Protein backbone atom coordinates (compact mmCIF):
# COMPACT_ATOMS: atom_id res chain seq x y z
CA UNK A 1 -57.11 -146.80 93.22
CA UNK A 2 -56.02 -143.26 92.71
CA UNK A 3 -54.39 -140.77 94.99
CA UNK A 4 -56.48 -137.78 93.75
CA UNK A 5 -60.33 -137.94 93.34
CA UNK A 6 -62.53 -135.32 91.68
CA UNK A 7 -65.94 -133.87 92.09
CA UNK A 8 -67.78 -137.25 92.32
CA UNK A 9 -65.29 -139.23 94.36
CA UNK A 10 -62.41 -139.00 96.56
CA UNK A 11 -58.93 -140.35 96.76
CA UNK A 12 -56.31 -140.59 99.40
CA UNK A 13 -55.58 -136.95 99.05
CA UNK A 14 -59.33 -135.72 99.78
CA UNK A 15 -59.58 -138.09 102.71
CA UNK A 16 -56.24 -136.65 104.26
CA UNK A 17 -57.52 -133.23 103.82
CA UNK A 18 -60.81 -133.60 105.58
CA UNK A 19 -59.12 -135.54 108.30
CA UNK A 20 -56.63 -132.88 108.84
CA UNK A 21 -59.30 -130.22 108.50
CA UNK A 22 -61.15 -131.78 111.30
CA UNK A 23 -58.00 -132.20 113.35
CA UNK A 24 -57.32 -128.37 113.39
CA UNK A 25 -61.01 -127.53 114.11
CA UNK A 26 -60.59 -129.43 117.40
CA UNK A 27 -56.90 -129.16 118.40
CA UNK A 28 -55.29 -126.10 117.06
CA UNK A 29 -53.99 -123.52 119.53
CA UNK A 30 -55.21 -119.77 119.47
CA UNK A 31 -52.60 -119.13 116.70
CA UNK A 32 -54.38 -121.79 114.41
CA UNK A 33 -51.22 -124.02 114.56
CA UNK A 34 -50.32 -127.48 115.99
CA UNK A 35 -46.78 -127.66 117.36
CA UNK A 36 -45.96 -124.71 115.09
CA UNK A 37 -47.60 -125.86 112.04
CA UNK A 38 -50.49 -124.42 110.27
CA UNK A 39 -53.18 -126.59 108.55
CA UNK A 40 -52.12 -126.34 105.01
CA UNK A 41 -48.37 -127.06 105.79
CA UNK A 42 -49.35 -129.99 107.88
CA UNK A 43 -51.63 -131.38 105.55
CA UNK A 44 -49.36 -131.00 102.48
CA UNK A 45 -46.42 -132.75 104.48
CA UNK A 46 -48.89 -135.67 105.58
CA UNK A 47 -50.43 -136.14 102.06
CA UNK A 48 -46.79 -136.26 100.60
CA UNK A 49 -45.81 -138.83 102.92
CA UNK A 50 -48.73 -141.10 102.39
CA UNK A 51 -48.54 -140.80 98.67
CA UNK A 52 -44.98 -142.00 98.79
CA UNK A 53 -46.32 -145.35 99.68
CA UNK A 54 -47.69 -145.46 96.08
CA UNK A 55 -44.36 -144.24 94.42
CA UNK A 56 -44.12 -145.49 90.80
CA UNK A 57 -40.49 -146.30 91.09
CA UNK A 58 -38.24 -147.47 93.83
CA UNK A 59 -35.45 -149.84 95.03
CA UNK A 60 -35.11 -151.97 97.95
CA UNK A 61 -35.35 -155.47 99.15
CA UNK A 62 -38.11 -158.20 98.75
CA UNK A 63 -38.28 -160.43 101.62
CA UNK A 64 -39.58 -164.14 101.00
CA UNK A 65 -39.50 -163.59 97.32
CA UNK A 66 -42.20 -165.78 95.81
CA UNK A 67 -42.46 -167.67 98.89
CA UNK A 68 -38.97 -169.05 98.99
CA UNK A 69 -37.61 -167.47 102.15
CA UNK A 70 -34.97 -165.71 99.94
CA UNK A 71 -34.16 -161.96 99.98
CA UNK A 72 -33.61 -160.21 96.71
CA UNK A 73 -32.92 -156.65 95.72
CA UNK A 74 -35.14 -154.81 93.36
CA UNK A 75 -34.74 -151.66 91.20
CA UNK A 76 -37.58 -150.18 88.76
CA UNK A 77 -41.26 -150.25 89.57
CA UNK A 78 -42.39 -149.30 92.98
CA UNK A 79 -43.42 -151.99 95.65
CA UNK A 80 -47.07 -150.90 95.17
CA UNK A 81 -46.89 -152.37 91.55
CA UNK A 82 -45.60 -155.70 92.90
CA UNK A 83 -47.68 -159.08 92.98
CA UNK A 84 -48.21 -160.04 96.30
CA UNK A 85 -46.91 -163.68 95.57
CA UNK A 86 -43.67 -162.25 94.59
CA UNK A 87 -43.49 -159.59 97.40
CA UNK A 88 -45.69 -160.68 100.02
CA UNK A 89 -43.93 -158.41 102.92
CA UNK A 90 -44.97 -155.17 101.34
CA UNK A 91 -48.46 -155.82 101.39
CA UNK A 92 -49.21 -154.62 104.86
CA UNK A 93 -48.48 -151.12 103.61
CA UNK A 94 -51.76 -151.43 101.84
CA UNK A 95 -53.68 -153.47 104.42
CA UNK A 96 -53.87 -156.53 101.97
CA UNK A 97 -52.73 -159.90 102.23
CA UNK A 98 -49.61 -161.98 102.40
CA UNK A 99 -50.89 -164.93 100.50
CA UNK A 100 -48.77 -167.41 102.20
CA UNK A 101 -50.25 -166.39 105.72
CA UNK A 102 -53.84 -166.94 106.98
CA UNK A 103 -56.28 -164.32 107.67
CA UNK A 104 -55.72 -163.99 111.26
CA UNK A 105 -52.01 -163.69 110.87
CA UNK A 106 -52.37 -161.09 108.20
CA UNK A 107 -54.65 -159.05 110.48
CA UNK A 108 -51.97 -159.28 113.27
CA UNK A 109 -49.21 -158.27 110.97
CA UNK A 110 -51.30 -155.34 109.32
CA UNK A 111 -52.19 -154.06 112.96
CA UNK A 112 -48.57 -154.45 114.12
CA UNK A 113 -47.50 -152.37 111.03
CA UNK A 114 -49.87 -149.59 112.00
CA UNK A 115 -48.88 -149.73 115.59
CA UNK A 116 -45.26 -149.55 114.74
CA UNK A 117 -45.60 -146.70 112.13
CA UNK A 118 -47.30 -144.62 114.75
CA UNK A 119 -44.77 -145.39 117.47
CA UNK A 120 -42.05 -144.52 115.08
CA UNK A 121 -44.02 -141.06 114.43
CA UNK A 122 -44.38 -140.42 117.95
CA UNK A 123 -40.65 -141.06 118.86
CA UNK A 124 -39.66 -138.95 115.79
CA UNK A 125 -42.00 -136.12 117.01
CA UNK A 126 -40.83 -136.20 120.66
CA UNK A 127 -37.30 -135.86 119.37
CA UNK A 128 -38.00 -133.00 116.96
CA UNK A 129 -36.59 -129.58 117.85
CA UNK A 130 -39.08 -127.49 115.55
CA UNK A 131 -41.40 -127.72 112.73
CA UNK A 132 -38.88 -128.65 110.09
CA UNK A 133 -37.78 -131.56 112.16
CA UNK A 134 -41.52 -132.51 112.36
CA UNK A 135 -41.78 -132.52 108.43
CA UNK A 136 -38.49 -134.32 108.01
CA UNK A 137 -38.61 -137.01 110.50
CA UNK A 138 -42.28 -137.63 111.83
CA UNK A 139 -44.47 -137.22 108.71
CA UNK A 140 -43.09 -140.22 106.77
CA UNK A 141 -44.20 -142.77 109.53
CA UNK A 142 -47.28 -140.93 110.29
CA UNK A 143 -48.21 -140.82 106.36
CA UNK A 144 -47.40 -144.58 106.22
CA UNK A 145 -50.01 -145.33 108.84
CA UNK A 146 -52.66 -142.78 107.45
CA UNK A 147 -52.14 -144.66 103.93
CA UNK A 148 -52.67 -148.17 105.40
CA UNK A 149 -55.55 -147.23 107.62
CA UNK A 150 -57.30 -145.56 104.70
CA UNK A 151 -56.56 -148.67 102.43
CA UNK A 152 -58.21 -150.72 105.09
CA UNK A 153 -61.69 -149.31 104.26
CA UNK A 154 -61.48 -149.97 100.45
CA UNK A 155 -63.36 -152.81 99.26
CA UNK A 156 -60.33 -153.55 96.97
CA UNK A 157 -58.28 -154.29 99.74
CA UNK A 158 -60.19 -155.62 102.60
CA UNK A 159 -63.78 -156.66 103.25
CA UNK A 160 -65.34 -155.38 106.47
CA UNK A 161 -68.86 -156.29 107.90
CA UNK A 162 -71.57 -154.56 106.18
CA UNK A 163 -72.04 -151.83 108.53
CA UNK A 164 -68.86 -150.22 106.96
CA UNK A 165 -71.23 -148.99 103.94
CA UNK A 166 -73.22 -147.07 106.75
CA UNK A 167 -70.15 -145.45 107.61
CA UNK A 168 -69.09 -147.53 110.66
CA UNK A 169 -65.31 -146.98 111.37
CA UNK A 170 -65.39 -150.10 113.63
CA UNK A 171 -66.85 -152.50 111.27
CA UNK A 172 -64.91 -155.73 111.90
CA UNK A 173 -62.73 -156.92 109.32
CA UNK A 174 -63.81 -160.33 107.56
CA UNK A 175 -61.43 -160.90 104.69
CA UNK A 176 -58.24 -159.84 102.68
CA UNK A 177 -57.46 -159.50 99.04
CA UNK A 178 -54.31 -160.52 97.14
CA UNK A 179 -52.90 -158.00 94.42
CA UNK A 180 -51.34 -159.18 91.26
CA UNK A 181 -50.62 -156.68 88.40
CA UNK A 182 -51.69 -158.75 85.63
CA UNK A 183 -55.19 -157.79 85.72
CA UNK A 184 -54.38 -153.99 85.13
CA UNK A 185 -53.60 -155.17 81.42
CA UNK A 186 -56.45 -157.45 81.08
CA UNK A 187 -54.77 -160.66 81.97
CA UNK A 188 -56.53 -163.03 84.34
CA UNK A 189 -54.00 -164.90 86.15
CA UNK A 190 -56.42 -166.53 88.42
CA UNK A 191 -54.61 -165.12 91.48
CA UNK A 192 -55.91 -161.73 91.90
CA UNK A 193 -58.58 -160.51 93.98
CA UNK A 194 -57.91 -156.77 94.07
CA UNK A 195 -61.44 -155.60 92.81
CA UNK A 196 -61.08 -152.58 90.55
CA UNK A 197 -64.96 -152.11 90.72
CA UNK A 198 -64.38 -150.43 94.03
CA UNK A 199 -62.17 -147.73 92.46
CA UNK A 200 -64.65 -144.92 91.97
CA UNK A 201 -67.69 -144.83 94.23
CA UNK A 202 -69.34 -141.47 94.87
CA UNK A 203 -68.05 -139.13 97.51
CA UNK A 204 -70.44 -139.81 100.34
CA UNK A 205 -70.31 -143.65 100.59
CA UNK A 206 -70.02 -145.18 103.97
CA UNK A 207 -66.58 -146.44 103.42
CA UNK A 208 -65.33 -143.00 102.50
CA UNK A 209 -66.78 -141.53 105.57
CA UNK A 210 -65.36 -144.43 107.65
CA UNK A 211 -61.86 -143.90 106.37
CA UNK A 212 -62.05 -140.22 106.98
CA UNK A 213 -63.11 -140.82 110.53
CA UNK A 214 -60.46 -143.36 110.99
CA UNK A 215 -57.72 -140.92 109.88
CA UNK A 216 -58.90 -138.18 112.09
CA UNK A 217 -59.06 -140.63 115.02
CA UNK A 218 -55.44 -141.61 114.45
CA UNK A 219 -54.17 -138.15 114.04
CA UNK A 220 -56.23 -136.93 117.05
CA UNK A 221 -54.72 -139.70 119.32
CA UNK A 222 -51.29 -138.96 117.83
CA UNK A 223 -51.34 -135.23 118.72
CA UNK A 224 -53.01 -135.88 122.08
CA UNK A 225 -50.17 -137.98 122.95
CA UNK A 226 -47.85 -135.14 123.28
CA UNK A 227 -49.79 -133.74 125.97
CA UNK A 228 -49.36 -136.75 128.23
CA UNK A 229 -46.50 -139.43 129.18
CA UNK A 230 -45.18 -141.83 126.54
CA UNK A 231 -46.83 -144.74 128.13
CA UNK A 232 -50.09 -143.12 128.18
CA UNK A 233 -49.80 -141.94 124.82
CA UNK A 234 -49.29 -145.34 123.56
CA UNK A 235 -52.30 -146.69 125.55
CA UNK A 236 -54.56 -143.76 124.13
CA UNK A 237 -53.33 -144.61 120.62
CA UNK A 238 -54.25 -148.12 120.73
CA UNK A 239 -57.55 -147.30 122.38
CA UNK A 240 -58.47 -145.46 119.07
CA UNK A 241 -56.61 -147.97 116.93
CA UNK A 242 -57.84 -151.21 118.26
CA UNK A 243 -61.38 -151.09 117.34
CA UNK A 244 -60.60 -150.36 113.77
CA UNK A 245 -58.62 -153.54 113.50
CA UNK A 246 -60.87 -156.21 115.30
CA UNK A 247 -61.76 -159.41 113.52
CA UNK A 248 -65.22 -160.43 112.73
CA UNK A 249 -66.67 -163.04 115.02
CA UNK A 250 -66.90 -165.40 112.27
CA UNK A 251 -63.22 -164.99 111.63
CA UNK A 252 -60.78 -163.50 109.18
CA UNK A 253 -60.06 -165.16 105.79
CA UNK A 254 -57.82 -164.42 102.73
CA UNK A 255 -59.43 -164.39 99.21
CA UNK A 256 -56.38 -166.02 97.08
CA UNK A 257 -58.58 -166.62 94.15
CA UNK A 258 -61.41 -164.81 91.97
CA UNK A 259 -63.87 -167.74 92.29
CA UNK A 260 -67.48 -167.62 91.51
CA UNK A 261 -68.53 -167.25 95.22
CA UNK A 262 -65.90 -164.39 95.53
CA UNK A 263 -67.28 -162.67 92.43
CA UNK A 264 -70.75 -162.80 93.65
CA UNK A 265 -69.72 -161.20 96.96
CA UNK A 266 -67.77 -158.55 95.30
CA UNK A 267 -71.01 -157.50 93.08
CA UNK A 268 -73.12 -157.56 96.19
CA UNK A 269 -70.70 -155.24 98.01
CA UNK A 270 -70.41 -153.03 95.07
CA UNK A 271 -74.21 -152.64 94.99
CA UNK A 272 -73.88 -151.83 98.62
CA UNK A 273 -71.07 -149.18 98.14
CA UNK A 274 -73.46 -147.36 95.57
CA UNK A 275 -76.75 -148.09 97.53
CA UNK A 276 -76.19 -148.40 101.38
CA UNK A 277 -78.95 -149.73 103.50
CA UNK A 278 -81.51 -147.12 103.92
CA UNK A 279 -80.49 -145.07 100.94
CA UNK A 280 -83.53 -145.82 98.71
CA UNK A 281 -83.37 -142.25 97.21
CA UNK A 282 -80.61 -139.90 96.35
CA UNK A 283 -81.03 -136.00 97.28
CA UNK A 284 -81.88 -135.03 93.80
CA UNK A 285 -84.45 -138.02 93.67
CA UNK A 286 -85.95 -136.75 96.94
CA UNK A 287 -86.23 -133.29 95.90
CA UNK A 288 -88.10 -134.28 92.59
CA UNK A 289 -90.40 -136.68 94.58
CA UNK A 290 -91.15 -133.91 97.12
CA UNK A 291 -92.08 -131.43 94.47
CA UNK A 292 -94.34 -133.93 92.85
CA UNK A 293 -96.05 -134.84 96.04
CA UNK A 294 -96.42 -131.28 97.23
CA UNK A 295 -98.77 -130.59 94.08
CA UNK A 296 -100.97 -133.35 94.87
CA UNK A 297 -104.37 -132.59 96.39
CA UNK A 298 -104.42 -133.80 99.91
CA UNK A 299 -100.71 -134.52 99.94
CA UNK A 300 -99.29 -134.02 103.58
CA UNK A 301 -96.35 -132.26 101.62
CA UNK A 302 -98.87 -129.68 100.50
CA UNK A 303 -100.25 -128.65 104.02
CA UNK A 304 -97.94 -125.80 104.70
CA UNK A 305 -95.43 -125.38 107.62
CA UNK A 306 -97.01 -128.10 109.89
CA UNK A 307 -96.68 -130.89 106.79
CA UNK A 308 -95.13 -133.95 107.55
CA UNK A 309 -91.83 -134.79 106.10
CA UNK A 310 -90.09 -138.15 105.02
CA UNK A 311 -88.94 -140.19 107.75
CA UNK A 312 -85.38 -139.88 109.09
CA UNK A 313 -84.32 -143.13 107.23
CA UNK A 314 -85.10 -141.65 103.79
CA UNK A 315 -84.20 -137.94 104.30
CA UNK A 316 -80.90 -138.95 105.66
CA UNK A 317 -80.09 -141.11 102.77
CA UNK A 318 -76.80 -140.22 100.80
CA UNK A 319 -75.41 -141.29 97.62
CA UNK A 320 -72.53 -143.80 97.89
CA UNK A 321 -68.98 -142.55 97.84
CA UNK A 322 -65.52 -142.92 97.19
CA UNK A 323 -62.38 -144.52 96.93
CA UNK A 324 -59.09 -145.09 98.76
CA UNK A 325 -56.30 -147.06 97.65
CA UNK A 326 -53.19 -147.69 95.80
CA UNK A 327 -52.07 -146.23 92.47
CA UNK A 328 -48.95 -145.62 90.73
CA UNK A 329 -49.45 -141.78 90.78
CA UNK A 330 -52.39 -139.31 90.70
CA UNK A 331 -53.36 -140.72 87.31
CA UNK A 332 -51.89 -144.09 87.51
CA UNK A 333 -53.28 -147.50 86.71
CA UNK A 334 -55.56 -148.60 89.61
CA UNK A 335 -54.10 -150.76 92.38
């Protein structure tokens, strides 16, 4: 998954930018600022912080290396490139699965990661003495949370109930995927379920819209928290976050192998991503169809201002959208 999109699809950057735009439209003061930061400065700092999660190189510790309970240091390729089997603990940063844990355990871990990151951002913001402190101390954990919640709407990372393809930000989580880097160089190791087919859906997909809405809700709850007590702020944050990390009524599973059944479900969802329910026609197709019908004798579309129009389900149809996710840089290999 890429950090940056283009005119046809979006990445983390575009989703973050749209969410910040909405945040400032609803919460900025008379001077156009939020806590001393203008919109562009807030966006650039937040985007830089979320992009750090996809850093191409890094150094640190791998806990439970290869499922052995050993902790080992690493220096070199960033953790976003690490196999989930070798570095299971880092997968929560991308809302993916630790393959050594169950679906419910992974959901709890990923939700806790989000909650902890938002709490760290709130604590840093409360201690900030000015805009520069906010940029240095608050934005890193806030960006980490933003990155993870956006990844949670990518079909390459997790599968939610089908309503996500209609833009439902509260679509329950059904399963998590497992990442290995071998597939990026064409090797099928039988352990990767990160589906690259979700990498570049068109801009207006339901999952893209849901990711934007989720980011906006997190940021809004975060900023509103500074206008109330810490306890109330935490409660309001979870009120916003909780519905985004609910399990499906049928439970939550982990897709640990690319089986035939998994591949069939992947293909079904890719089709939904590009053709969400109710979107039989794209905007251009509707325009051409309308022009053709309007020239036909007796067509209701040729009856002037009082003519009937296509029903809401079709006229509201949107081409499918966009991609969130993990990459080793703006133009790096898909993760």
